[in-house]
Amino acid sequence: MKILANDIQINYELSGQEGAPVVMLSHSLASSMMMWNPQLESLEAHFNVLRYDMRGHGDSDAPEGAYTLALLAEDAVALLDALGIDTVHFVGLSIGGMIGQGLALNHADRLKSLTLCDTSAIMPDEAQPILRERIALARENGMADQVDGTLERWFTPQYLNQNPPAVEMIRQQVQATPLAGYIGCSEALGGLNYLGRLSEIKLPTLIMVGEEDPGTPVAASQAIHERIAGSHLVILPSARHLSNIEQAEAFNKSLMNFLLR
């Protein structure tokens, strides 16, 4: 379904237990809410689950121009307002986790808890040229050029060689991502700098990361964990960036234990 929020049409889905606490899921760059399919069965048994396509992705609008993480967080709040939802357990992976940090810092009254997966709190100076190069290549060659490199960063070689249906689903999502949305959100990544403020977060917080994630490595999650008092860190073996897919069973177990507690 689509709803007008923050001046764009946002595609969303509500499923699970009507009237139960809401778990809001925010996906990675160049993906969509379909990324959370492996979590639905576990979550829907206990919660009302809100998935959405962030600005520039899936079936949501993809305005031209650079986005900011503040804007993406405002989209999430506007979606909750439009749906009449006061508070949520927020779960975000990659840029979704960056949106979660922005919400926890600037809209903490809307969150019951925070789960940050395979994400970072700062864009290091040495990573900026890599980001600029990806944006330039996307502009020049389109999203098809991004597919193979993205899959290699997101899944271990063993998982890719097994060629499960989940890999094909993600391949199609990367290719289908609107170019304006990919570039807009990539520009938002360049402004990531929440690290110095993380100690302000007082929410119950779970941090999960794939042990072999090259893009947002374990060290990035450890840096977040060290700064959020009382947070819990889970490192998932044999997983790269999309740990929720590659190690879905272990991911779901940790997530459900946290949310139900």
Protein backbone atom coordinates (compact mmCIF):
# COMPACT_ATOMS: atom_id res chain seq x y z
CA MET A 1 0.00 0.00 0.00
CA LYS A 2 1.06 3.62 -0.47
CA ILE A 3 0.48 6.68 1.69
CA LEU A 4 1.53 10.32 1.41
CA ALA A 5 4.17 11.16 4.01
CA ASN A 6 6.74 13.99 4.01
CA ASP A 7 5.55 15.03 0.53
CA ILE A 8 6.24 11.68 -1.14
CA GLN A 9 4.31 8.46 -1.66
CA ILE A 10 5.80 5.80 0.60
CA ASN A 11 5.11 2.12 -0.09
CA TYR A 12 4.53 0.10 3.08
CA GLU A 13 3.05 -3.12 4.43
CA LEU A 14 1.50 -3.86 7.84
CA SER A 15 1.20 -7.52 8.79
CA GLY A 16 1.08 -9.79 11.82
CA GLN A 17 -0.82 -9.22 15.04
CA GLU A 18 -3.18 -6.26 14.82
CA GLY A 19 -3.13 -4.28 18.06
CA ALA A 20 0.24 -5.74 19.14
CA PRO A 21 3.37 -3.57 19.55
CA VAL A 22 4.73 -2.44 16.18
CA VAL A 23 8.15 -3.51 14.85
CA MET A 24 9.33 -1.17 12.07
CA LEU A 25 11.87 -2.58 9.59
CA SER A 26 14.18 -0.35 7.52
CA HIS A 27 16.21 -1.93 4.70
CA SER A 28 19.64 -1.42 3.15
CA LEU A 29 20.72 0.75 0.23
CA ALA A 30 19.73 -0.70 -3.19
CA SER A 31 17.20 -3.07 -1.67
CA SER A 32 13.55 -2.87 -0.58
CA MET A 33 11.26 -4.09 2.17
CA MET A 34 11.43 -7.54 0.51
CA MET A 35 14.86 -7.85 2.15
CA TRP A 36 13.09 -8.63 5.44
CA ASN A 37 11.20 -11.70 4.16
CA PRO A 38 13.31 -14.10 6.29
CA GLN A 39 12.21 -12.28 9.47
CA LEU A 40 8.47 -12.08 8.82
CA GLU A 41 7.30 -15.44 10.14
CA SER A 42 9.08 -15.00 13.48
CA LEU A 43 8.01 -11.38 13.95
CA GLU A 44 4.41 -11.75 12.80
CA ALA A 45 3.71 -14.37 15.46
CA HIS A 46 4.13 -11.75 18.20
CA PHE A 47 4.08 -8.26 16.68
CA ASN A 48 2.42 -5.94 14.21
CA VAL A 49 5.14 -5.62 11.55
CA LEU A 50 5.62 -2.42 9.53
CA ARG A 51 7.87 -2.71 6.50
CA TYR A 52 8.42 0.16 4.09
CA ASP A 53 10.43 1.10 1.01
CA MET A 54 12.58 4.07 1.91
CA ARG A 55 12.68 7.16 -0.30
CA GLY A 56 14.16 6.30 -3.69
CA HIS A 57 13.65 2.54 -3.36
CA GLY A 58 11.13 -0.14 -4.23
CA ASP A 59 7.72 1.32 -5.00
CA SER A 60 8.21 4.55 -3.02
CA ASP A 61 8.80 7.84 -4.83
CA ALA A 62 12.37 8.59 -5.97
CA PRO A 63 12.85 12.37 -6.20
CA GLU A 64 15.98 13.63 -7.95
CA GLY A 65 18.75 15.24 -5.90
CA ALA A 66 20.83 14.49 -2.83
CA TYR A 67 19.04 13.14 0.25
CA THR A 68 20.22 13.45 3.86
CA LEU A 69 19.99 11.02 6.77
CA ALA A 70 17.88 13.62 8.60
CA LEU A 71 15.43 13.62 5.68
CA LEU A 72 15.25 9.81 5.67
CA ALA A 73 14.54 9.82 9.42
CA GLU A 74 11.83 12.46 8.88
CA ASP A 75 10.28 10.14 6.27
CA ALA A 76 10.05 7.38 8.88
CA VAL A 77 8.42 9.69 11.43
CA ALA A 78 6.00 11.04 8.81
CA LEU A 79 5.03 7.48 7.87
CA LEU A 80 4.26 6.69 11.52
CA ASP A 81 2.23 9.91 11.79
CA ALA A 82 0.28 9.11 8.63
CA LEU A 83 -0.53 5.62 9.93
CA GLY A 84 -1.41 6.88 13.44
CA ILE A 85 1.37 4.86 15.12
CA ASP A 86 2.89 6.44 18.24
CA THR A 87 5.90 4.23 19.03
CA VAL A 88 7.76 1.31 17.47
CA HIS A 89 10.55 -1.14 18.03
CA PHE A 90 12.87 0.02 15.23
CA VAL A 91 15.08 -2.45 13.33
CA GLY A 92 17.41 -1.08 10.65
CA LEU A 93 20.18 -2.64 8.58
CA SER A 94 22.98 -0.69 6.87
CA ILE A 95 21.52 2.71 5.90
CA GLY A 96 18.41 1.55 7.75
CA GLY A 97 20.54 1.37 10.90
CA MET A 98 21.80 4.90 10.22
CA ILE A 99 18.19 6.06 9.99
CA GLY A 100 17.61 4.28 13.32
CA GLN A 101 20.45 6.21 14.94
CA GLY A 102 18.98 9.47 13.67
CA LEU A 103 15.59 8.54 15.11
CA ALA A 104 17.07 7.54 18.46
CA LEU A 105 18.98 10.83 18.70
CA ASN A 106 16.33 13.23 17.42
CA HIS A 107 12.98 11.42 17.80
CA ALA A 108 13.60 9.11 20.77
CA ASP A 109 10.01 9.51 21.98
CA ARG A 110 8.86 7.48 18.94
CA LEU A 111 10.99 4.43 19.76
CA LYS A 112 10.52 1.62 22.30
CA SER A 113 13.81 -0.03 21.37
CA LEU A 114 16.54 0.14 18.74
CA THR A 115 18.15 -2.67 16.75
CA LEU A 116 21.14 -1.69 14.60
CA CYS A 117 22.37 -4.28 12.09
CA ASP A 118 25.49 -4.21 9.91
CA THR A 119 25.76 -0.46 10.14
CA SER A 120 28.14 2.33 11.09
CA ALA A 121 27.96 5.64 12.94
CA ILE A 122 30.52 7.57 10.89
CA MET A 123 31.75 7.67 7.30
CA PRO A 124 35.57 7.59 7.54
CA ASP A 125 37.51 10.03 5.40
CA GLU A 126 39.21 7.15 3.59
CA ALA A 127 35.82 5.75 2.54
CA GLN A 128 34.63 8.96 0.89
CA PRO A 129 36.54 8.43 -2.41
CA ILE A 130 35.09 4.90 -2.69
CA LEU A 131 31.60 6.31 -2.21
CA ARG A 132 32.19 9.03 -4.81
CA GLU A 133 33.47 6.44 -7.28
CA ARG A 134 30.37 4.26 -6.82
CA ILE A 135 28.10 7.26 -7.39
CA ALA A 136 30.03 8.21 -10.54
CA LEU A 137 29.89 4.65 -11.91
CA ALA A 138 26.17 4.43 -11.22
CA ARG A 139 25.58 7.72 -13.05
CA GLU A 140 27.65 6.52 -16.01
CA ASN A 141 26.58 2.88 -16.31
CA GLY A 142 23.29 2.53 -14.41
CA MET A 143 22.39 0.07 -11.67
CA ALA A 144 23.26 -3.07 -13.64
CA ASP A 145 26.92 -2.17 -13.15
CA GLN A 146 26.46 -2.21 -9.37
CA VAL A 147 25.08 -5.74 -9.06
CA ASP A 148 28.12 -8.06 -8.94
CA GLY A 149 30.22 -5.89 -6.63
CA THR A 150 27.27 -5.37 -4.32
CA LEU A 151 26.52 -9.10 -4.05
CA GLU A 152 30.20 -9.82 -3.28
CA ARG A 153 30.15 -7.30 -0.42
CA TRP A 154 26.81 -8.51 0.90
CA PHE A 155 27.29 -12.31 0.91
CA THR A 156 30.18 -14.70 1.59
CA PRO A 157 31.59 -16.61 -1.43
CA GLN A 158 30.22 -19.85 0.03
CA TYR A 159 26.69 -18.45 0.16
CA LEU A 160 26.92 -17.00 -3.35
CA ASN A 161 28.17 -20.35 -4.70
CA GLN A 162 25.16 -22.10 -3.19
CA ASN A 163 23.07 -19.65 -5.25
CA PRO A 164 19.99 -19.73 -3.02
CA PRO A 165 16.79 -17.98 -4.17
CA ALA A 166 17.52 -15.13 -1.71
CA VAL A 167 20.56 -14.10 -3.77
CA GLU A 168 18.49 -13.86 -6.94
CA MET A 169 15.88 -11.80 -5.08
CA ILE A 170 18.54 -9.33 -3.94
CA ARG A 171 20.13 -9.26 -7.41
CA GLN A 172 16.78 -8.21 -8.86
CA GLN A 173 16.27 -5.57 -6.17
CA VAL A 174 19.67 -3.96 -6.82
CA GLN A 175 18.96 -3.82 -10.56
CA ALA A 176 15.47 -2.42 -10.00
CA THR A 177 16.54 0.36 -7.62
CA PRO A 178 15.79 3.76 -9.23
CA LEU A 179 19.05 5.48 -10.13
CA ALA A 180 17.87 8.73 -8.50
CA GLY A 181 17.14 6.86 -5.28
CA TYR A 182 20.49 5.07 -5.22
CA ILE A 183 22.40 8.30 -5.83
CA GLY A 184 20.23 10.30 -3.41
CA CYS A 185 20.74 7.82 -0.58
CA SER A 186 24.44 7.39 -1.40
CA GLU A 187 24.84 11.16 -0.97
CA ALA A 188 23.17 10.81 2.44
CA LEU A 189 25.76 8.20 3.44
CA GLY A 190 28.54 10.71 2.82
CA GLY A 191 27.20 12.89 5.64
CA LEU A 192 27.08 10.13 8.26
CA ASN A 193 28.53 11.36 11.55
CA TYR A 194 26.58 10.23 14.62
CA LEU A 195 29.51 8.69 16.52
CA GLY A 196 30.10 11.61 18.89
CA ARG A 197 26.44 11.70 19.96
CA LEU A 198 25.76 7.99 20.50
CA SER A 199 26.17 8.26 24.28
CA GLU A 200 22.93 10.27 24.27
CA ILE A 201 20.96 7.13 23.32
CA LYS A 202 19.28 5.62 26.39
CA LEU A 203 16.98 3.15 24.62
CA PRO A 204 17.29 -0.63 24.93
CA THR A 205 19.64 -1.37 22.03
CA LEU A 206 20.68 -4.52 20.19
CA ILE A 207 23.58 -4.40 17.72
CA MET A 208 24.15 -7.24 15.26
CA VAL A 209 26.83 -7.64 12.61
CA GLY A 210 28.10 -10.30 10.25
CA GLU A 211 31.58 -11.40 11.29
CA GLU A 212 32.86 -11.05 7.70
CA ASP A 213 31.05 -7.81 6.77
CA PRO A 214 33.59 -5.77 4.75
CA GLY A 215 31.57 -2.56 4.40
CA THR A 216 30.38 -2.00 7.97
CA PRO A 217 32.84 -4.26 9.79
CA VAL A 218 32.69 -5.63 13.32
CA ALA A 219 34.86 -2.73 14.50
CA ALA A 220 32.14 -0.26 13.45
CA SER A 221 29.55 -2.15 15.51
CA GLN A 222 31.95 -2.36 18.45
CA ALA A 223 32.38 1.42 18.31
CA ILE A 224 28.59 1.83 18.52
CA HIS A 225 28.32 -0.74 21.31
CA GLU A 226 30.98 1.02 23.39
CA ARG A 227 29.08 4.31 23.24
CA ILE A 228 25.49 3.17 23.91
CA ALA A 229 25.25 2.24 27.57
CA GLY A 230 23.68 -1.16 28.22
CA SER A 231 23.63 -2.14 24.55
CA HIS A 232 24.04 -5.78 23.55
CA LEU A 233 26.38 -6.82 20.70
CA VAL A 234 25.90 -10.02 18.67
CA ILE A 235 28.48 -11.06 16.06
CA LEU A 236 27.06 -13.55 13.55
CA PRO A 237 29.65 -15.98 12.12
CA SER A 238 29.79 -16.86 8.42
CA ALA A 239 27.94 -13.74 7.30
CA ARG A 240 28.76 -10.58 5.41
CA HIS A 241 26.56 -7.47 5.09
CA LEU A 242 23.08 -8.98 4.76
CA SER A 243 23.41 -11.08 7.89
CA ASN A 244 19.62 -11.16 8.27
CA ILE A 245 19.49 -13.29 5.09
CA GLU A 246 22.72 -15.28 5.20
CA GLN A 247 22.31 -16.28 8.86
CA ALA A 248 18.55 -15.80 9.17
CA GLU A 249 18.04 -18.41 11.90
CA ALA A 250 20.70 -17.00 14.25
CA PHE A 251 19.66 -13.43 13.40
CA ASN A 252 16.00 -14.15 14.16
CA LYS A 253 16.81 -15.90 17.42
CA SER A 254 18.82 -12.94 18.73
CA LEU A 255 16.27 -10.41 17.49
CA MET A 256 13.27 -12.22 19.00
CA ASN A 257 15.03 -12.80 22.33
CA PHE A 258 15.74 -9.06 22.50
CA LEU A 259 12.30 -7.86 21.42
CA LEU A 260 10.36 -10.26 23.64
CA ARG A 261 12.52 -9.35 26.63
